[in-house]
């Protein structure tokens, strides 16, 4: 009989109600900062899809949502330090207000790389929003304009964040304690 490996333990860090409240606050602040002008939410896939969907609904007025996909993780938990654009955005951002939407900023390498690339495309303004900020993991200095929650340097899943493509569907953010081999 094959022995099953133990399942990772999850500990709720931020519940669904706190997430919903904070996303609403961020949406209102983004609208205030941009007046009545159109805003492009440029979401970085895959992890931010619940955040950008909720954020889009929290912003009154004209918005456009587009997507980019990057890759920088060599295994399930650590960054390789090299950012690859797997999917570029479709919408022209020239002369537009752009908010890059991330699920989590840890090392800052991906966001730094994206901001460098996007700034060459002449947006009117370029800001950043992240649900989670992990300042204790930062290796690259990046400006984050809208932060949902600052968290400790722990591995988290839920609300779009995954481990081996699992746990994205959790309505909350949880610390994932992986069993030792």
C-alpha atoms as a PDB file:
ATOM      1  CA  UNK A   1       0.000   0.000   0.000  1.00  0.00           C
ATOM      2  CA  UNK A   2       1.399   3.384  -1.059  1.00  0.00           C
ATOM      3  CA  UNK A   3       1.868   5.847   1.762  1.00  0.00           C
ATOM      4  CA  UNK A   4       0.282   9.252   1.079  1.00  0.00           C
ATOM      5  CA  UNK A   5       2.449  12.279   1.654  1.00  0.00           C
ATOM      6  CA  UNK A   6       1.114  14.626   4.323  1.00  0.00           C
ATOM      7  CA  UNK A   7      -0.948  17.570   3.095  1.00  0.00           C
ATOM      8  CA  UNK A   8       0.315  21.091   3.712  1.00  0.00           C
ATOM      9  CA  UNK A   9      -1.274  22.904   6.638  1.00  0.00           C
ATOM     10  CA  UNK A  10      -3.023  26.237   5.997  1.00  0.00           C
ATOM     11  CA  UNK A  11      -3.402  29.022   8.515  1.00  0.00           C
ATOM     12  CA  UNK A  12      -5.696  31.934   7.579  1.00  0.00           C
ATOM     13  CA  UNK A  13      -3.728  35.176   7.495  1.00  0.00           C
ATOM     14  CA  UNK A  14      -6.308  37.549   5.969  1.00  0.00           C
ATOM     15  CA  UNK A  15      -9.968  36.586   5.831  1.00  0.00           C
ATOM     16  CA  UNK A  16     -12.347  37.249   2.934  1.00  0.00           C
ATOM     17  CA  UNK A  17     -14.173  40.082   4.708  1.00  0.00           C
ATOM     18  CA  UNK A  18     -10.949  42.051   5.341  1.00  0.00           C
ATOM     19  CA  UNK A  19      -9.873  41.518   1.729  1.00  0.00           C
ATOM     20  CA  UNK A  20     -13.205  42.793   0.384  1.00  0.00           C
ATOM     21  CA  UNK A  21     -13.098  45.890   2.578  1.00  0.00           C
ATOM     22  CA  UNK A  22      -9.534  46.775   1.650  1.00  0.00           C
ATOM     23  CA  UNK A  23     -10.066  46.198  -2.092  1.00  0.00           C
ATOM     24  CA  UNK A  24     -13.014  48.610  -1.959  1.00  0.00           C
ATOM     25  CA  UNK A  25     -10.830  51.244  -0.281  1.00  0.00           C
ATOM     26  CA  UNK A  26      -8.104  50.835  -2.902  1.00  0.00           C
ATOM     27  CA  UNK A  27     -10.642  51.152  -5.736  1.00  0.00           C
ATOM     28  CA  UNK A  28     -12.029  54.384  -4.313  1.00  0.00           C
ATOM     29  CA  UNK A  29      -8.506  55.794  -3.855  1.00  0.00           C
ATOM     30  CA  UNK A  30      -7.513  54.923  -7.431  1.00  0.00           C
ATOM     31  CA  UNK A  31     -10.573  56.767  -8.743  1.00  0.00           C
ATOM     32  CA  UNK A  32      -9.860  59.796  -6.536  1.00  0.00           C
ATOM     33  CA  UNK A  33      -6.261  59.933  -7.758  1.00  0.00           C
ATOM     34  CA  UNK A  34      -7.267  59.872 -11.438  1.00  0.00           C
ATOM     35  CA  UNK A  35     -10.398  62.009 -11.461  1.00  0.00           C
ATOM     36  CA  UNK A  36     -12.873  61.182 -14.209  1.00  0.00           C
ATOM     37  CA  UNK A  37     -10.219  59.987 -16.666  1.00  0.00           C
ATOM     38  CA  UNK A  38     -10.107  56.479 -18.066  1.00  0.00           C
ATOM     39  CA  UNK A  39      -7.870  54.045 -16.194  1.00  0.00           C
ATOM     40  CA  UNK A  40      -6.225  50.937 -17.596  1.00  0.00           C
ATOM     41  CA  UNK A  41      -5.822  48.154 -15.063  1.00  0.00           C
ATOM     42  CA  UNK A  42      -2.952  46.050 -16.372  1.00  0.00           C
ATOM     43  CA  UNK A  43      -3.154  42.780 -14.461  1.00  0.00           C
ATOM     44  CA  UNK A  44      -0.199  40.429 -14.104  1.00  0.00           C
ATOM     45  CA  UNK A  45      -1.433  36.850 -14.485  1.00  0.00           C
ATOM     46  CA  UNK A  46      -2.139  34.387 -13.093  1.00  0.00           C
ATOM     47  CA  UNK A  47      -2.388  35.145  -9.412  1.00  0.00           C
ATOM     48  CA  UNK A  48      -4.074  38.523  -9.505  1.00  0.00           C
ATOM     49  CA  UNK A  49      -7.238  37.489 -11.358  1.00  0.00           C
ATOM     50  CA  UNK A  50      -9.549  37.615  -8.275  1.00  0.00           C
ATOM     51  CA  UNK A  51      -7.951  40.862  -7.092  1.00  0.00           C
ATOM     52  CA  UNK A  52      -8.249  42.638 -10.448  1.00  0.00           C
ATOM     53  CA  UNK A  53     -11.844  41.448 -10.891  1.00  0.00           C
ATOM     54  CA  UNK A  54     -12.847  42.781  -7.466  1.00  0.00           C
ATOM     55  CA  UNK A  55     -10.775  45.936  -7.924  1.00  0.00           C
ATOM     56  CA  UNK A  56     -12.364  46.681 -11.307  1.00  0.00           C
ATOM     57  CA  UNK A  57     -15.813  46.485  -9.723  1.00  0.00           C
ATOM     58  CA  UNK A  58     -14.669  48.852  -6.949  1.00  0.00           C
ATOM     59  CA  UNK A  59     -13.630  51.634  -9.351  1.00  0.00           C
ATOM     60  CA  UNK A  60     -16.405  53.901 -10.612  1.00  0.00           C
ATOM     61  CA  UNK A  61     -16.209  55.343 -14.098  1.00  0.00           C
ATOM     62  CA  UNK A  62     -14.362  54.269 -17.209  1.00  0.00           C
ATOM     63  CA  UNK A  63     -11.797  51.517 -16.871  1.00  0.00           C
ATOM     64  CA  UNK A  64     -10.180  49.054 -19.224  1.00  0.00           C
ATOM     65  CA  UNK A  65      -8.745  45.756 -18.013  1.00  0.00           C
ATOM     66  CA  UNK A  66      -5.915  44.061 -19.854  1.00  0.00           C
ATOM     67  CA  UNK A  67      -3.478  41.313 -18.945  1.00  0.00           C
ATOM     68  CA  UNK A  68       0.194  40.456 -19.045  1.00  0.00           C
ATOM     69  CA  UNK A  69       1.775  37.210 -17.976  1.00  0.00           C
ATOM     70  CA  UNK A  70       5.292  36.868 -16.658  1.00  0.00           C
ATOM     71  CA  UNK A  71       7.389  34.083 -15.269  1.00  0.00           C
ATOM     72  CA  UNK A  72      10.183  34.368 -12.739  1.00  0.00           C
ATOM     73  CA  UNK A  73       9.791  31.332 -10.493  1.00  0.00           C
ATOM     74  CA  UNK A  74      12.205  28.463 -11.039  1.00  0.00           C
ATOM     75  CA  UNK A  75      10.351  26.165  -8.657  1.00  0.00           C
ATOM     76  CA  UNK A  76       7.136  26.602  -6.751  1.00  0.00           C
ATOM     77  CA  UNK A  77       8.443  28.945  -4.072  1.00  0.00           C
ATOM     78  CA  UNK A  78      11.507  31.004  -5.065  1.00  0.00           C
ATOM     79  CA  UNK A  79      12.279  33.539  -7.790  1.00  0.00           C
ATOM     80  CA  UNK A  80      14.897  32.809 -10.426  1.00  0.00           C
ATOM     81  CA  UNK A  81      15.729  36.516 -10.663  1.00  0.00           C
ATOM     82  CA  UNK A  82      15.024  36.517 -14.417  1.00  0.00           C
ATOM     83  CA  UNK A  83      11.689  37.871 -15.704  1.00  0.00           C
ATOM     84  CA  UNK A  84      10.216  36.468 -18.892  1.00  0.00           C
ATOM     85  CA  UNK A  85       7.201  38.086 -20.608  1.00  0.00           C
ATOM     86  CA  UNK A  86       4.961  35.171 -21.563  1.00  0.00           C
ATOM     87  CA  UNK A  87       2.046  37.347 -22.701  1.00  0.00           C
ATOM     88  CA  UNK A  88       2.162  41.076 -23.464  1.00  0.00           C
ATOM     89  CA  UNK A  89      -0.807  43.432 -23.130  1.00  0.00           C
ATOM     90  CA  UNK A  90      -3.072  44.161 -26.107  1.00  0.00           C
ATOM     91  CA  UNK A  91      -4.315  47.677 -25.285  1.00  0.00           C
ATOM     92  CA  UNK A  92      -2.252  50.694 -26.364  1.00  0.00           C
ATOM     93  CA  UNK A  93      -1.198  52.472 -23.161  1.00  0.00           C
ATOM     94  CA  UNK A  94       0.295  55.567 -24.840  1.00  0.00           C
ATOM     95  CA  UNK A  95      -1.019  58.678 -23.088  1.00  0.00           C
ATOM     96  CA  UNK A  96      -3.192  56.645 -20.697  1.00  0.00           C
ATOM     97  CA  UNK A  97      -3.335  56.263 -16.916  1.00  0.00           C
ATOM     98  CA  UNK A  98      -2.053  52.748 -16.191  1.00  0.00           C
ATOM     99  CA  UNK A  99      -2.208  50.859 -12.906  1.00  0.00           C
ATOM    100  CA  UNK A 100      -0.175  47.648 -12.890  1.00  0.00           C
ATOM    101  CA  UNK A 101      -2.036  45.157 -10.696  1.00  0.00           C
ATOM    102  CA  UNK A 102      -0.089  42.410  -8.915  1.00  0.00           C
ATOM    103  CA  UNK A 103      -1.205  39.734  -6.475  1.00  0.00           C
ATOM    104  CA  UNK A 104       1.974  39.965  -4.388  1.00  0.00           C
ATOM    105  CA  UNK A 105       5.233  41.885  -4.450  1.00  0.00           C
ATOM    106  CA  UNK A 106       8.031  40.055  -2.704  1.00  0.00           C
ATOM    107  CA  UNK A 107      11.513  40.448  -4.233  1.00  0.00           C
ATOM    108  CA  UNK A 108      10.278  43.285  -6.456  1.00  0.00           C
ATOM    109  CA  UNK A 109      12.189  41.885  -9.437  1.00  0.00           C
ATOM    110  CA  UNK A 110       9.130  41.249 -11.632  1.00  0.00           C
ATOM    111  CA  UNK A 111       7.517  44.606 -10.884  1.00  0.00           C
ATOM    112  CA  UNK A 112      10.781  46.506 -11.418  1.00  0.00           C
ATOM    113  CA  UNK A 113      11.244  44.811 -14.787  1.00  0.00           C
ATOM    114  CA  UNK A 114       7.645  45.480 -15.866  1.00  0.00           C
ATOM    115  CA  UNK A 115       7.735  49.130 -14.844  1.00  0.00           C
ATOM    116  CA  UNK A 116      10.933  49.631 -16.832  1.00  0.00           C
ATOM    117  CA  UNK A 117       9.349  48.084 -19.917  1.00  0.00           C
ATOM    118  CA  UNK A 118       5.999  49.855 -19.595  1.00  0.00           C
ATOM    119  CA  UNK A 119       7.550  53.284 -19.005  1.00  0.00           C
ATOM    120  CA  UNK A 120       9.088  53.058 -22.497  1.00  0.00           C
ATOM    121  CA  UNK A 121       5.548  52.838 -23.913  1.00  0.00           C
ATOM    122  CA  UNK A 122       4.710  56.452 -22.882  1.00  0.00           C
ATOM    123  CA  UNK A 123       1.755  56.116 -20.503  1.00  0.00           C
ATOM    124  CA  UNK A 124       0.358  59.362 -19.069  1.00  0.00           C
ATOM    125  CA  UNK A 125       0.878  57.912 -15.594  1.00  0.00           C
ATOM    126  CA  UNK A 126       2.133  54.559 -14.339  1.00  0.00           C
ATOM    127  CA  UNK A 127       1.159  53.377 -10.872  1.00  0.00           C
ATOM    128  CA  UNK A 128       1.147  50.057  -9.068  1.00  0.00           C
ATOM    129  CA  UNK A 129      -1.346  48.174  -6.925  1.00  0.00           C
ATOM    130  CA  UNK A 130      -0.756  44.949  -5.058  1.00  0.00           C
ATOM    131  CA  UNK A 131      -2.943  42.953  -2.755  1.00  0.00           C
ATOM    132  CA  UNK A 132       0.042  41.776  -0.722  1.00  0.00           C
ATOM    133  CA  UNK A 133       3.388  43.410  -0.053  1.00  0.00           C
ATOM    134  CA  UNK A 134       6.202  41.371   1.443  1.00  0.00           C
ATOM    135  CA  UNK A 135       8.825  44.055   2.256  1.00  0.00           C
ATOM    136  CA  UNK A 136      11.006  41.559   4.156  1.00  0.00           C
ATOM    137  CA  UNK A 137      11.716  39.715   0.891  1.00  0.00           C
ATOM    138  CA  UNK A 138      12.533  42.809  -1.185  1.00  0.00           C
ATOM    139  CA  UNK A 139      15.766  42.700  -3.197  1.00  0.00           C
ATOM    140  CA  UNK A 140      14.772  45.358  -5.753  1.00  0.00           C
ATOM    141  CA  UNK A 141      13.583  48.845  -4.845  1.00  0.00           C
ATOM    142  CA  UNK A 142      10.106  49.422  -6.300  1.00  0.00           C
ATOM    143  CA  UNK A 143       7.410  52.023  -5.719  1.00  0.00           C
ATOM    144  CA  UNK A 144       4.050  50.529  -4.749  1.00  0.00           C
ATOM    145  CA  UNK A 145       1.275  53.104  -4.847  1.00  0.00           C
ATOM    146  CA  UNK A 146      -1.634  51.024  -3.531  1.00  0.00           C
ATOM    147  CA  UNK A 147      -1.029  48.229  -1.022  1.00  0.00           C
ATOM    148  CA  UNK A 148      -3.728  45.962   0.309  1.00  0.00           C
ATOM    149  CA  UNK A 149      -1.781  44.354   3.137  1.00  0.00           C
ATOM    150  CA  UNK A 150       1.852  44.188   4.232  1.00  0.00           C
ATOM    151  CA  UNK A 151       2.673  40.628   5.299  1.00  0.00           C
ATOM    152  CA  UNK A 152       5.666  38.875   6.839  1.00  0.00           C
ATOM    153  CA  UNK A 153       8.094  36.868   4.730  1.00  0.00           C
ATOM    154  CA  UNK A 154       6.002  33.679   4.646  1.00  0.00           C
ATOM    155  CA  UNK A 155       4.664  31.590   1.764  1.00  0.00           C
ATOM    156  CA  UNK A 156       0.983  32.351   1.155  1.00  0.00           C
ATOM    157  CA  UNK A 157      -1.804  30.929  -0.975  1.00  0.00           C
ATOM    158  CA  UNK A 158      -5.429  31.753  -1.691  1.00  0.00           C
ATOM    159  CA  UNK A 159      -7.331  34.566  -3.394  1.00  0.00           C
ATOM    160  CA  UNK A 160      -5.467  33.768  -6.608  1.00  0.00           C
ATOM    161  CA  UNK A 161      -2.089  32.831  -5.132  1.00  0.00           C
ATOM    162  CA  UNK A 162      -1.040  29.246  -5.627  1.00  0.00           C
ATOM    163  CA  UNK A 163       1.314  26.458  -4.779  1.00  0.00           C
ATOM    164  CA  UNK A 164       1.773  24.140  -7.781  1.00  0.00           C
ATOM    165  CA  UNK A 165      -1.428  25.643  -9.286  1.00  0.00           C
ATOM    166  CA  UNK A 166      -3.490  24.708  -6.208  1.00  0.00           C
ATOM    167  CA  UNK A 167      -5.303  26.851  -3.624  1.00  0.00           C
ATOM    168  CA  UNK A 168      -6.094  29.778  -5.996  1.00  0.00           C
ATOM    169  CA  UNK A 169      -9.800  29.291  -5.269  1.00  0.00           C
ATOM    170  CA  UNK A 170      -9.586  29.970  -1.525  1.00  0.00           C
ATOM    171  CA  UNK A 171     -11.565  33.140  -0.644  1.00  0.00           C
ATOM    172  CA  UNK A 172      -8.910  34.149   1.908  1.00  0.00           C
ATOM    173  CA  UNK A 173      -5.113  34.388   2.108  1.00  0.00           C
ATOM    174  CA  UNK A 174      -3.409  31.679   4.142  1.00  0.00           C
ATOM    175  CA  UNK A 175       0.101  30.801   5.190  1.00  0.00           C
ATOM    176  CA  UNK A 176       1.022  27.461   3.656  1.00  0.00           C
ATOM    177  CA  UNK A 177       3.174  25.335   5.935  1.00  0.00           C
ATOM    178  CA  UNK A 178       4.765  22.715   3.731  1.00  0.00           C
ATOM    179  CA  UNK A 179       5.645  19.375   5.326  1.00  0.00           C
ATOM    180  CA  UNK A 180       9.334  18.618   5.621  1.00  0.00           C
ATOM    181  CA  UNK A 181      10.605  15.900   3.283  1.00  0.00           C
END
